[in-house]
Amino acid sequence: MLSRRKLLAGTGALAAAGALDAFGIEPRWLELSEHAVPVSKLPRSLEGLTVMQITDAHLTTLGVLERSIAQAVRARSPQLVVLSGDIVDSEARLPALMELCSELAHSGAQLFATFGNWEHWGKVSRETLSERYRAAGVRLLVNETVLAEGLSISATDDALAGSVRWDHTLKGLSSGPRLLVTHSPALLDRPPPESPRFDLCMAGHTHGGQVRAGSIAPLTPPGSGRFVAGEYDTPFGPAYVSRGTGTSVVPARFCCRPELPLFRWVRA
């Protein structure tokens, strides 16, 4: 029969192992996920186009995880890389951001970024962030659409802490393949009247729950809505919500590794 002392010792060992994983292993254990984006009548020139998403990095310095991200981007050589918000929490973190962008630039990809709630809450001014990004070869998109590699990229401001302007965001949207980038995913269930469809919508913000019990995420931040992580159908079209790479509030991840998604456009 299992004694009380052995039961307590075993429970303590399990708790210690869980804490080691949550605080010491998982936060640095990057997972590269790959996803096909099927598009009807995709132009031949866009077949195989690859886009990688970095979100919720919450940079402080460049450590093991961030260097793994940069290495994975260089190894995959995507045409486009999108930093979809919460990359920095304050202007004091901008040197780390510049260092990361310098590493990403070696991939040869076109680099784009948008705002998350923490850039707003951390009082990172749009002018300063745009200037720093521009110096690093990154284009900051807030409520606007640009054409890159034959793909329309529409990026909103963050819906939780910013101000989404659909009249600005959708101006210049082409009839070809389309990507919608937003940070807080609850927005994807609140389309404007006569909203267009997109071939892919990407968001982050949720951290996938960050600390989970298996597949169950007890807590997600405001602005998450019904979204936690992975693929969803939305009024805008198919969406993917990344678990992101960093941590917020508690520097731990459990059953929820940092994620670097890669999306490959294919003909349906």
Protein backbone atom coordinates (compact mmCIF):
# COMPACT_ATOMS: atom_id res chain seq x y z
CA MET A 1 0.00 0.00 0.00
CA LEU A 2 1.28 3.45 -0.89
CA SER A 3 2.23 5.36 2.24
CA ARG A 4 1.28 8.97 2.81
CA ARG A 5 4.97 9.92 2.81
CA LYS A 6 5.57 8.26 -0.56
CA LEU A 7 2.41 9.84 -1.99
CA LEU A 8 3.54 13.30 -0.89
CA ALA A 9 7.05 12.69 -2.23
CA GLY A 10 5.66 11.56 -5.56
CA THR A 11 3.31 14.51 -5.77
CA GLY A 12 6.15 16.88 -4.96
CA ALA A 13 8.35 15.33 -7.64
CA LEU A 14 5.59 15.69 -10.23
CA ALA A 15 5.03 19.32 -9.25
CA ALA A 16 8.75 20.03 -9.49
CA ALA A 17 8.93 18.38 -12.91
CA GLY A 18 5.92 20.39 -14.07
CA ALA A 19 7.44 23.63 -12.83
CA LEU A 20 10.75 22.82 -14.54
CA ASP A 21 8.92 22.21 -17.81
CA ALA A 22 6.66 25.28 -17.51
CA PHE A 23 9.36 27.77 -16.52
CA GLY A 24 12.56 26.25 -17.87
CA ILE A 25 11.85 24.08 -20.92
CA GLU A 26 8.66 24.90 -22.83
CA PRO A 27 9.12 28.69 -23.04
CA ARG A 28 12.31 28.07 -25.07
CA TRP A 29 11.11 25.03 -27.06
CA LEU A 30 10.02 26.42 -30.42
CA GLU A 31 7.59 24.52 -32.65
CA LEU A 32 7.47 25.25 -36.39
CA SER A 33 3.97 24.49 -37.71
CA GLU A 34 3.21 24.30 -41.45
CA HIS A 35 -0.14 24.97 -43.11
CA ALA A 36 -1.46 24.93 -46.66
CA VAL A 37 -3.59 27.86 -47.87
CA PRO A 38 -5.67 26.50 -50.76
CA VAL A 39 -6.85 29.21 -53.16
CA SER A 40 -9.12 28.65 -56.13
CA LYS A 41 -7.57 29.89 -59.38
CA LEU A 42 -4.38 30.90 -57.63
CA PRO A 43 -2.05 32.50 -60.19
CA ARG A 44 0.79 30.18 -61.18
CA SER A 45 3.24 32.86 -60.06
CA LEU A 46 1.97 32.54 -56.48
CA GLU A 47 2.01 28.76 -56.18
CA GLY A 48 4.28 27.85 -53.30
CA LEU A 49 4.37 31.38 -51.86
CA THR A 50 5.37 31.11 -48.20
CA VAL A 51 4.52 33.49 -45.36
CA MET A 52 5.75 33.14 -41.79
CA GLN A 53 4.08 34.75 -38.78
CA ILE A 54 5.82 35.98 -35.64
CA THR A 55 3.48 37.17 -32.93
CA ASP A 56 3.41 37.92 -29.20
CA ALA A 57 7.20 37.85 -28.85
CA HIS A 58 7.17 40.23 -25.85
CA LEU A 59 10.86 40.87 -26.43
CA THR A 60 13.25 41.74 -23.63
CA THR A 61 16.56 40.49 -25.04
CA LEU A 62 17.52 38.05 -27.76
CA GLY A 63 17.87 34.69 -26.09
CA VAL A 64 17.76 31.04 -27.13
CA LEU A 65 14.14 31.23 -28.33
CA GLU A 66 14.58 34.38 -30.41
CA ARG A 67 17.70 33.03 -32.07
CA SER A 68 15.81 29.82 -32.84
CA ILE A 69 13.10 31.93 -34.50
CA ALA A 70 15.62 33.80 -36.63
CA GLN A 71 17.39 30.57 -37.57
CA ALA A 72 14.11 28.90 -38.58
CA VAL A 73 13.14 31.88 -40.75
CA ARG A 74 16.52 31.89 -42.49
CA ALA A 75 16.34 28.12 -43.04
CA ARG A 76 12.87 28.28 -44.62
CA SER A 77 13.51 31.43 -46.72
CA PRO A 78 9.88 32.63 -46.88
CA GLN A 79 8.92 35.39 -49.30
CA LEU A 80 7.07 37.29 -46.55
CA VAL A 81 7.35 37.53 -42.75
CA VAL A 82 4.59 39.21 -40.75
CA LEU A 83 5.08 40.40 -37.15
CA SER A 84 1.48 40.55 -35.97
CA GLY A 85 1.69 42.56 -32.75
CA ASP A 86 2.83 42.42 -29.12
CA ILE A 87 6.41 42.21 -30.29
CA VAL A 88 7.52 44.79 -27.71
CA ASP A 89 5.85 46.04 -24.52
CA SER A 90 7.64 49.39 -24.24
CA GLU A 91 10.04 51.67 -26.08
CA ALA A 92 12.79 50.41 -23.75
CA ARG A 93 12.58 47.09 -25.64
CA LEU A 94 13.21 48.64 -29.07
CA PRO A 95 16.94 47.72 -29.13
CA ALA A 96 15.96 44.04 -28.84
CA LEU A 97 13.43 44.53 -31.62
CA MET A 98 16.07 46.06 -33.88
CA GLU A 99 18.40 43.15 -33.18
CA LEU A 100 15.69 40.62 -34.05
CA CYS A 101 14.75 42.47 -37.25
CA SER A 102 18.41 42.54 -38.26
CA GLU A 103 18.53 38.76 -37.87
CA LEU A 104 15.30 38.32 -39.86
CA ALA A 105 16.54 40.55 -42.68
CA HIS A 106 19.19 37.94 -43.51
CA SER A 107 16.38 35.66 -44.75
CA GLY A 108 15.78 37.93 -47.75
CA ALA A 109 12.05 38.05 -46.99
CA GLN A 110 9.89 41.15 -47.20
CA LEU A 111 9.05 42.10 -43.60
CA PHE A 112 5.79 43.61 -42.37
CA ALA A 113 4.44 44.39 -38.90
CA THR A 114 1.36 45.72 -37.17
CA PHE A 115 0.29 46.83 -33.69
CA GLY A 116 -0.84 44.63 -30.82
CA ASN A 117 -2.48 45.68 -27.57
CA TRP A 118 0.84 45.82 -25.70
CA GLU A 119 2.41 48.29 -28.10
CA HIS A 120 -0.55 50.54 -27.22
CA TRP A 121 -0.53 49.79 -23.48
CA GLY A 122 3.24 50.25 -23.35
CA LYS A 123 2.86 53.67 -24.99
CA VAL A 124 5.05 52.81 -27.97
CA SER A 125 4.25 55.66 -30.35
CA ARG A 126 3.28 54.75 -33.88
CA GLU A 127 5.75 57.29 -35.26
CA THR A 128 8.67 55.88 -33.25
CA LEU A 129 7.83 52.29 -34.01
CA SER A 130 7.34 53.00 -37.71
CA GLU A 131 10.69 54.81 -37.85
CA ARG A 132 12.55 52.01 -36.08
CA TYR A 133 10.91 49.34 -38.19
CA ARG A 134 11.69 51.27 -41.37
CA ALA A 135 15.35 51.55 -40.38
CA ALA A 136 15.41 47.76 -39.99
CA GLY A 137 13.74 47.10 -43.35
CA VAL A 138 10.27 46.39 -41.93
CA ARG A 139 7.09 48.14 -43.05
CA LEU A 140 4.58 48.92 -40.29
CA LEU A 141 0.98 48.54 -41.46
CA VAL A 142 -1.88 49.96 -39.40
CA ASN A 143 -5.34 50.11 -41.00
CA GLU A 144 -4.02 49.79 -44.53
CA THR A 145 -3.56 47.43 -47.45
CA VAL A 146 -0.43 46.88 -49.51
CA LEU A 147 0.42 44.56 -52.39
CA ALA A 148 3.47 42.32 -51.88
CA GLU A 149 4.57 39.39 -54.04
CA GLY A 150 1.16 39.56 -55.76
CA LEU A 151 -0.66 39.17 -52.41
CA SER A 152 -2.96 41.82 -50.90
CA ILE A 153 -2.01 42.24 -47.24
CA SER A 154 -4.61 44.11 -45.17
CA ALA A 155 -3.54 44.89 -41.60
CA THR A 156 -5.78 46.44 -38.95
CA ASP A 157 -4.90 48.25 -35.77
CA ASP A 158 -5.42 46.13 -32.66
CA ALA A 159 -9.12 45.82 -31.86
CA LEU A 160 -8.65 45.65 -28.07
CA ALA A 161 -6.44 48.66 -27.39
CA GLY A 162 -6.35 50.50 -30.72
CA SER A 163 -8.81 51.82 -33.27
CA VAL A 164 -9.78 49.70 -36.25
CA ARG A 165 -10.71 51.70 -39.36
CA TRP A 166 -12.17 49.42 -42.00
CA ASP A 167 -12.69 52.33 -44.40
CA HIS A 168 -8.90 52.80 -44.40
CA THR A 169 -7.88 49.16 -44.03
CA LEU A 170 -9.77 47.90 -47.07
CA LYS A 171 -8.87 50.76 -49.39
CA GLY A 172 -6.92 49.40 -52.34
CA LEU A 173 -7.84 45.77 -51.69
CA SER A 174 -7.29 43.78 -54.89
CA SER A 175 -9.45 41.03 -56.32
CA GLY A 176 -6.53 38.58 -56.18
CA PRO A 177 -5.29 36.47 -53.25
CA ARG A 178 -5.81 38.20 -49.91
CA LEU A 179 -4.32 38.04 -46.42
CA LEU A 180 -5.89 39.77 -43.40
CA VAL A 181 -3.64 40.46 -40.41
CA THR A 182 -5.02 41.49 -37.04
CA HIS A 183 -3.79 40.97 -33.49
CA SER A 184 -6.76 40.30 -31.18
CA PRO A 185 -8.85 37.62 -32.90
CA ALA A 186 -12.30 38.45 -31.47
CA LEU A 187 -12.42 41.04 -34.28
CA LEU A 188 -12.77 38.19 -36.76
CA ASP A 189 -16.33 37.60 -35.57
CA ARG A 190 -17.26 41.27 -36.01
CA PRO A 191 -17.11 41.97 -39.75
CA PRO A 192 -18.11 45.35 -41.19
CA PRO A 193 -21.14 45.52 -43.50
CA GLU A 194 -20.47 43.76 -46.80
CA SER A 195 -17.05 42.66 -45.64
CA PRO A 196 -14.81 41.02 -48.24
CA ARG A 197 -13.53 37.47 -48.00
CA PHE A 198 -9.89 36.64 -47.42
CA ASP A 199 -7.96 33.51 -48.30
CA LEU A 200 -6.31 33.60 -44.87
CA CYS A 201 -6.74 35.67 -41.71
CA MET A 202 -3.94 35.53 -39.17
CA ALA A 203 -4.06 36.64 -35.54
CA GLY A 204 -2.32 36.00 -32.23
CA HIS A 205 -2.91 37.55 -28.78
CA THR A 206 -4.23 34.43 -27.03
CA HIS A 207 -0.83 32.75 -26.44
CA GLY A 208 -2.85 29.57 -26.98
CA GLY A 209 -3.86 29.91 -23.32
CA GLN A 210 -0.13 29.84 -22.37
CA VAL A 211 -0.68 27.50 -19.39
CA ARG A 212 -3.04 24.68 -20.30
CA ALA A 213 -4.35 21.46 -18.86
CA GLY A 214 -3.76 19.24 -21.87
CA SER A 215 -5.90 20.72 -24.65
CA ILE A 216 -7.94 22.82 -22.22
CA ALA A 217 -7.05 26.52 -21.94
CA PRO A 218 -8.65 27.83 -18.73
CA LEU A 219 -7.70 31.45 -19.38
CA THR A 220 -7.34 33.62 -22.45
CA PRO A 221 -6.98 37.41 -22.43
CA PRO A 222 -9.78 39.89 -23.20
CA GLY A 223 -10.09 40.34 -26.94
CA SER A 224 -9.72 36.60 -27.61
CA GLY A 225 -13.42 35.88 -28.04
CA ARG A 226 -14.00 32.21 -28.85
CA PHE A 227 -10.50 31.79 -30.22
CA VAL A 228 -7.65 29.94 -28.51
CA ALA A 229 -5.27 28.54 -31.13
CA GLY A 230 -5.29 26.87 -34.53
CA GLU A 231 -7.66 26.94 -37.49
CA TYR A 232 -11.12 28.52 -37.48
CA ASP A 233 -13.89 29.46 -39.89
CA THR A 234 -14.85 33.12 -39.61
CA PRO A 235 -17.06 35.61 -41.49
CA PHE A 236 -13.89 36.88 -43.18
CA GLY A 237 -12.77 33.42 -44.29
CA PRO A 238 -10.42 30.78 -42.88
CA ALA A 239 -8.33 32.02 -39.96
CA TYR A 240 -5.32 30.85 -38.04
CA VAL A 241 -4.62 31.97 -34.47
CA SER A 242 -0.99 31.40 -33.48
CA ARG A 243 0.09 30.51 -29.96
CA GLY A 244 2.83 33.11 -30.36
CA THR A 245 6.37 32.84 -29.07
CA GLY A 246 6.66 34.86 -25.87
CA THR A 247 4.98 34.95 -22.48
CA SER A 248 3.01 37.63 -20.67
CA VAL A 249 2.25 38.19 -16.96
CA VAL A 250 3.71 34.80 -15.96
CA PRO A 251 6.98 33.70 -17.65
CA ALA A 252 5.73 30.15 -18.15
CA ARG A 253 4.21 27.88 -20.77
CA PHE A 254 2.70 24.47 -20.08
CA CYS A 255 1.28 22.12 -22.74
CA CYS A 256 1.59 25.14 -25.03
CA ARG A 257 4.93 25.48 -26.79
CA PRO A 258 5.94 28.70 -28.58
CA GLU A 259 4.79 28.53 -32.20
CA LEU A 260 6.21 29.81 -35.48
CA PRO A 261 3.62 29.17 -38.23
CA LEU A 262 4.50 28.88 -41.91
CA PHE A 263 1.75 29.22 -44.52
CA ARG A 264 2.16 27.93 -48.07
CA TRP A 265 -0.20 29.15 -50.78
CA VAL A 266 -1.37 26.31 -53.06
CA ARG A 267 -3.87 26.00 -55.87
CA ALA A 268 -7.15 24.46 -54.66
